[in-house]
């Protein structure tokens, strides 16, 4: 399904595209490949007037965040929503749900790093909040290829639809 025919109530939610996480040895797709596909997804969503949400993590109870804890340079564009989380998932103790509700969003399209951590945790909470969930399998990656593959093939289909970047761009 091309993005143009998707619901106008869908939002792209990109998880943890921060230099220190993009640089991790992830698989089956490199951090650079995931970042490139996420940039293309974000451009397509923006071009179609759909919200783009960029989520990054901050470690709680520390005076200074590790180097590379901001979002990758140039990723955030005017009109994007930035959410700072302090847990694995993007919903707990953040304004993500309120931001999505205020924009009339009922479907979240998830991508980013890493598959079995931030993406999966956010997906489970999105489902609990009543959102339809879609996953962009080639725009995310895991700490190990077998973890990613198992989750994409066996877990994510139980929560929503699994697609690739080309379905949206």
C-alpha atoms as a PDB file:
ATOM      1  CA  UNK A   1       0.000   0.000   0.000  1.00  0.00           C
ATOM      2  CA  UNK A   2       1.491   3.317  -1.012  1.00  0.00           C
ATOM      3  CA  UNK A   3       1.613   6.104   1.540  1.00  0.00           C
ATOM      4  CA  UNK A   4      -0.781   8.205  -0.492  1.00  0.00           C
ATOM      5  CA  UNK A   5      -3.541   5.662   0.079  1.00  0.00           C
ATOM      6  CA  UNK A   6      -2.819   5.218   3.798  1.00  0.00           C
ATOM      7  CA  UNK A   7      -5.051   6.704   6.430  1.00  0.00           C
ATOM      8  CA  UNK A   8      -4.482  10.393   7.048  1.00  0.00           C
ATOM      9  CA  UNK A   9      -4.509   9.479  10.715  1.00  0.00           C
ATOM     10  CA  UNK A  10      -1.191   7.631  10.582  1.00  0.00           C
ATOM     11  CA  UNK A  11       2.010   8.921  12.159  1.00  0.00           C
ATOM     12  CA  UNK A  12       5.582   7.757  11.696  1.00  0.00           C
ATOM     13  CA  UNK A  13       7.303   7.081  15.022  1.00  0.00           C
ATOM     14  CA  UNK A  14      11.090   6.729  14.765  1.00  0.00           C
ATOM     15  CA  UNK A  15      12.843   5.233  17.777  1.00  0.00           C
ATOM     16  CA  UNK A  16      16.304   6.118  19.143  1.00  0.00           C
ATOM     17  CA  UNK A  17      18.046   7.403  16.016  1.00  0.00           C
ATOM     18  CA  UNK A  18      20.885   8.824  18.072  1.00  0.00           C
ATOM     19  CA  UNK A  19      24.548   8.701  17.012  1.00  0.00           C
ATOM     20  CA  UNK A  20      25.548   6.400  19.879  1.00  0.00           C
ATOM     21  CA  UNK A  21      22.786   3.916  19.018  1.00  0.00           C
ATOM     22  CA  UNK A  22      23.090   4.158  15.223  1.00  0.00           C
ATOM     23  CA  UNK A  23      26.789   3.280  15.709  1.00  0.00           C
ATOM     24  CA  UNK A  24      26.025   0.000  17.500  1.00  0.00           C
ATOM     25  CA  UNK A  25      26.829  -3.258  15.683  1.00  0.00           C
ATOM     26  CA  UNK A  26      23.215  -4.067  14.761  1.00  0.00           C
ATOM     27  CA  UNK A  27      21.925  -6.681  12.320  1.00  0.00           C
ATOM     28  CA  UNK A  28      20.630  -7.622   9.812  1.00  0.00           C
ATOM     29  CA  UNK A  29      20.674  -3.982   8.654  1.00  0.00           C
ATOM     30  CA  UNK A  30      23.442  -1.596   9.667  1.00  0.00           C
ATOM     31  CA  UNK A  31      22.632   1.497  11.656  1.00  0.00           C
ATOM     32  CA  UNK A  32      23.487   3.594   8.591  1.00  0.00           C
ATOM     33  CA  UNK A  33      21.039   1.603   6.434  1.00  0.00           C
ATOM     34  CA  UNK A  34      18.290   1.960   9.038  1.00  0.00           C
ATOM     35  CA  UNK A  35      18.952   5.688   9.324  1.00  0.00           C
ATOM     36  CA  UNK A  36      18.819   6.137   5.540  1.00  0.00           C
ATOM     37  CA  UNK A  37      15.492   4.291   5.293  1.00  0.00           C
ATOM     38  CA  UNK A  38      14.076   6.222   8.248  1.00  0.00           C
ATOM     39  CA  UNK A  39      15.043   9.517   6.582  1.00  0.00           C
ATOM     40  CA  UNK A  40      13.219   8.402   3.415  1.00  0.00           C
ATOM     41  CA  UNK A  41      10.152   7.404   5.440  1.00  0.00           C
ATOM     42  CA  UNK A  42      10.146  10.732   7.263  1.00  0.00           C
ATOM     43  CA  UNK A  43      10.370  12.647   3.977  1.00  0.00           C
ATOM     44  CA  UNK A  44       7.428  10.682   2.565  1.00  0.00           C
ATOM     45  CA  UNK A  45       5.283  11.236   5.659  1.00  0.00           C
ATOM     46  CA  UNK A  46       6.067  14.958   5.759  1.00  0.00           C
ATOM     47  CA  UNK A  47       5.338  15.318   2.024  1.00  0.00           C
ATOM     48  CA  UNK A  48       1.902  13.787   2.631  1.00  0.00           C
ATOM     49  CA  UNK A  49       1.138  15.981   5.650  1.00  0.00           C
ATOM     50  CA  UNK A  50       1.439  13.157   8.154  1.00  0.00           C
ATOM     51  CA  UNK A  51       3.125  13.586  11.541  1.00  0.00           C
ATOM     52  CA  UNK A  52       6.685  12.460  12.162  1.00  0.00           C
ATOM     53  CA  UNK A  53       7.604  11.687  15.768  1.00  0.00           C
ATOM     54  CA  UNK A  54      11.256  11.309  16.733  1.00  0.00           C
ATOM     55  CA  UNK A  55      11.933   9.570  20.033  1.00  0.00           C
ATOM     56  CA  UNK A  56      15.217   9.609  21.895  1.00  0.00           C
ATOM     57  CA  UNK A  57      16.223   8.214  25.256  1.00  0.00           C
ATOM     58  CA  UNK A  58      17.863   9.930  28.202  1.00  0.00           C
ATOM     59  CA  UNK A  59      19.301   7.942  31.044  1.00  0.00           C
ATOM     60  CA  UNK A  60      17.518   8.843  34.272  1.00  0.00           C
ATOM     61  CA  UNK A  61      19.320  10.026  37.393  1.00  0.00           C
ATOM     62  CA  UNK A  62      22.549  11.065  35.693  1.00  0.00           C
ATOM     63  CA  UNK A  63      23.936  14.567  35.570  1.00  0.00           C
ATOM     64  CA  UNK A  64      25.207  14.287  32.002  1.00  0.00           C
ATOM     65  CA  UNK A  65      24.027  12.133  29.104  1.00  0.00           C
ATOM     66  CA  UNK A  66      26.588  10.040  27.185  1.00  0.00           C
ATOM     67  CA  UNK A  67      28.075  11.523  24.033  1.00  0.00           C
ATOM     68  CA  UNK A  68      25.848  10.961  21.011  1.00  0.00           C
ATOM     69  CA  UNK A  69      22.581  11.142  22.950  1.00  0.00           C
ATOM     70  CA  UNK A  70      20.890  13.734  20.748  1.00  0.00           C
ATOM     71  CA  UNK A  71      19.035  12.786  17.597  1.00  0.00           C
ATOM     72  CA  UNK A  72      21.188  12.428  14.472  1.00  0.00           C
ATOM     73  CA  UNK A  73      21.961  15.831  12.931  1.00  0.00           C
ATOM     74  CA  UNK A  74      19.422  16.999  10.373  1.00  0.00           C
ATOM     75  CA  UNK A  75      16.818  14.395  11.282  1.00  0.00           C
ATOM     76  CA  UNK A  76      14.374  16.732  13.039  1.00  0.00           C
ATOM     77  CA  UNK A  77      12.516  19.087  10.713  1.00  0.00           C
ATOM     78  CA  UNK A  78      10.074  21.929  11.479  1.00  0.00           C
ATOM     79  CA  UNK A  79       6.720  20.523  12.545  1.00  0.00           C
ATOM     80  CA  UNK A  80       8.136  17.227  13.813  1.00  0.00           C
ATOM     81  CA  UNK A  81       7.360  16.054  17.328  1.00  0.00           C
ATOM     82  CA  UNK A  82      10.299  15.164  19.569  1.00  0.00           C
ATOM     83  CA  UNK A  83       9.697  12.880  22.540  1.00  0.00           C
ATOM     84  CA  UNK A  84      12.277  12.206  25.237  1.00  0.00           C
ATOM     85  CA  UNK A  85      11.820   8.905  27.051  1.00  0.00           C
ATOM     86  CA  UNK A  86      13.571   7.585  30.126  1.00  0.00           C
ATOM     87  CA  UNK A  87      12.485   3.960  29.798  1.00  0.00           C
ATOM     88  CA  UNK A  88      12.670   1.427  26.978  1.00  0.00           C
ATOM     89  CA  UNK A  89       9.292   2.294  25.457  1.00  0.00           C
ATOM     90  CA  UNK A  90       8.201   5.686  24.171  1.00  0.00           C
ATOM     91  CA  UNK A  91       4.809   5.915  25.909  1.00  0.00           C
ATOM     92  CA  UNK A  92       5.597   5.553  29.619  1.00  0.00           C
ATOM     93  CA  UNK A  93       5.822   8.917  31.396  1.00  0.00           C
ATOM     94  CA  UNK A  94       6.034  10.923  28.139  1.00  0.00           C
ATOM     95  CA  UNK A  95       3.550  13.053  26.213  1.00  0.00           C
ATOM     96  CA  UNK A  96       3.565  10.725  23.167  1.00  0.00           C
ATOM     97  CA  UNK A  97      -0.036   9.576  23.596  1.00  0.00           C
ATOM     98  CA  UNK A  98      -1.244  13.171  24.010  1.00  0.00           C
ATOM     99  CA  UNK A  99       0.755  14.338  20.999  1.00  0.00           C
ATOM    100  CA  UNK A 100      -0.757  11.596  18.838  1.00  0.00           C
ATOM    101  CA  UNK A 101      -4.292  12.172  20.124  1.00  0.00           C
ATOM    102  CA  UNK A 102      -4.093  15.915  19.483  1.00  0.00           C
ATOM    103  CA  UNK A 103      -3.298  15.141  15.829  1.00  0.00           C
ATOM    104  CA  UNK A 104      -6.103  12.605  15.423  1.00  0.00           C
ATOM    105  CA  UNK A 105      -3.681   9.703  14.965  1.00  0.00           C
ATOM    106  CA  UNK A 106      -5.070   6.183  15.195  1.00  0.00           C
ATOM    107  CA  UNK A 107      -2.244   4.291  13.429  1.00  0.00           C
ATOM    108  CA  UNK A 108       1.438   4.342  14.315  1.00  0.00           C
ATOM    109  CA  UNK A 109       4.096   3.258  11.828  1.00  0.00           C
ATOM    110  CA  UNK A 110       7.192   2.167  13.749  1.00  0.00           C
ATOM    111  CA  UNK A 111      10.843   2.077  12.724  1.00  0.00           C
ATOM    112  CA  UNK A 112      14.229   2.708  14.332  1.00  0.00           C
ATOM    113  CA  UNK A 113      16.565   1.035  16.781  1.00  0.00           C
ATOM    114  CA  UNK A 114      16.562  -1.528  18.199  1.00  0.00           C
ATOM    115  CA  UNK A 115      13.895  -3.982  17.090  1.00  0.00           C
ATOM    116  CA  UNK A 116      13.585  -6.013  20.290  1.00  0.00           C
ATOM    117  CA  UNK A 117      13.952  -3.107  22.691  1.00  0.00           C
ATOM    118  CA  UNK A 118      12.635   0.382  21.952  1.00  0.00           C
ATOM    119  CA  UNK A 119      10.598  -0.569  18.882  1.00  0.00           C
ATOM    120  CA  UNK A 120       8.930  -3.633  20.416  1.00  0.00           C
ATOM    121  CA  UNK A 121       8.268  -1.953  23.759  1.00  0.00           C
ATOM    122  CA  UNK A 122       6.703   1.048  22.030  1.00  0.00           C
ATOM    123  CA  UNK A 123       4.604  -1.266  19.835  1.00  0.00           C
ATOM    124  CA  UNK A 124       3.201  -3.135  22.812  1.00  0.00           C
ATOM    125  CA  UNK A 125       2.259   0.111  24.553  1.00  0.00           C
ATOM    126  CA  UNK A 126       0.771   1.522  21.340  1.00  0.00           C
ATOM    127  CA  UNK A 127      -1.433  -1.543  21.096  1.00  0.00           C
ATOM    128  CA  UNK A 128      -2.419  -1.165  24.749  1.00  0.00           C
ATOM    129  CA  UNK A 129      -3.416   2.442  23.994  1.00  0.00           C
ATOM    130  CA  UNK A 130      -5.659   1.266  21.143  1.00  0.00           C
ATOM    131  CA  UNK A 131      -3.526   2.297  18.175  1.00  0.00           C
ATOM    132  CA  UNK A 132      -3.285   0.258  15.000  1.00  0.00           C
ATOM    133  CA  UNK A 133       0.379  -0.660  14.584  1.00  0.00           C
ATOM    134  CA  UNK A 134       2.472  -1.047  11.444  1.00  0.00           C
ATOM    135  CA  UNK A 135       6.126  -2.055  11.363  1.00  0.00           C
ATOM    136  CA  UNK A 136       8.735  -1.128   8.743  1.00  0.00           C
ATOM    137  CA  UNK A 137      10.912  -4.242   8.951  1.00  0.00           C
ATOM    138  CA  UNK A 138      13.823  -3.024   6.836  1.00  0.00           C
ATOM    139  CA  UNK A 139      13.948   0.325   8.675  1.00  0.00           C
ATOM    140  CA  UNK A 140      14.830  -1.290  11.988  1.00  0.00           C
ATOM    141  CA  UNK A 141      17.487  -3.669  13.192  1.00  0.00           C
ATOM    142  CA  UNK A 142      18.356  -5.724  16.250  1.00  0.00           C
ATOM    143  CA  UNK A 143      21.333  -6.429  18.424  1.00  0.00           C
ATOM    144  CA  UNK A 144      21.487  -9.762  16.575  1.00  0.00           C
ATOM    145  CA  UNK A 145      19.994 -10.733  13.210  1.00  0.00           C
ATOM    146  CA  UNK A 146      18.184 -13.781  14.591  1.00  0.00           C
ATOM    147  CA  UNK A 147      16.488 -11.656  17.293  1.00  0.00           C
ATOM    148  CA  UNK A 148      15.326  -9.169  14.684  1.00  0.00           C
ATOM    149  CA  UNK A 149      14.127 -11.854  12.269  1.00  0.00           C
ATOM    150  CA  UNK A 150      12.226 -13.794  14.931  1.00  0.00           C
ATOM    151  CA  UNK A 151      10.505 -10.662  16.206  1.00  0.00           C
ATOM    152  CA  UNK A 152       9.594  -9.390  12.734  1.00  0.00           C
ATOM    153  CA  UNK A 153       8.362 -12.784  11.540  1.00  0.00           C
ATOM    154  CA  UNK A 154       6.710 -14.180  14.677  1.00  0.00           C
ATOM    155  CA  UNK A 155       5.910 -11.398  17.179  1.00  0.00           C
ATOM    156  CA  UNK A 156       5.094  -8.263  15.192  1.00  0.00           C
ATOM    157  CA  UNK A 157       2.394  -9.895  13.005  1.00  0.00           C
ATOM    158  CA  UNK A 158       0.440 -10.505  16.231  1.00  0.00           C
ATOM    159  CA  UNK A 159       0.355  -6.749  16.856  1.00  0.00           C
ATOM    160  CA  UNK A 160      -0.061  -5.352  13.365  1.00  0.00           C
ATOM    161  CA  UNK A 161       1.103  -5.280   9.781  1.00  0.00           C
ATOM    162  CA  UNK A 162       4.730  -5.783   8.783  1.00  0.00           C
ATOM    163  CA  UNK A 163       5.911  -3.977   5.659  1.00  0.00           C
ATOM    164  CA  UNK A 164       9.079  -2.582   4.100  1.00  0.00           C
ATOM    165  CA  UNK A 165      10.132   0.980   3.310  1.00  0.00           C
ATOM    166  CA  UNK A 166       8.975   0.739  -0.310  1.00  0.00           C
ATOM    167  CA  UNK A 167       5.358   0.408   0.892  1.00  0.00           C
ATOM    168  CA  UNK A 168       5.521   3.993   2.196  1.00  0.00           C
ATOM    169  CA  UNK A 169       7.888   5.784  -0.187  1.00  0.00           C
END
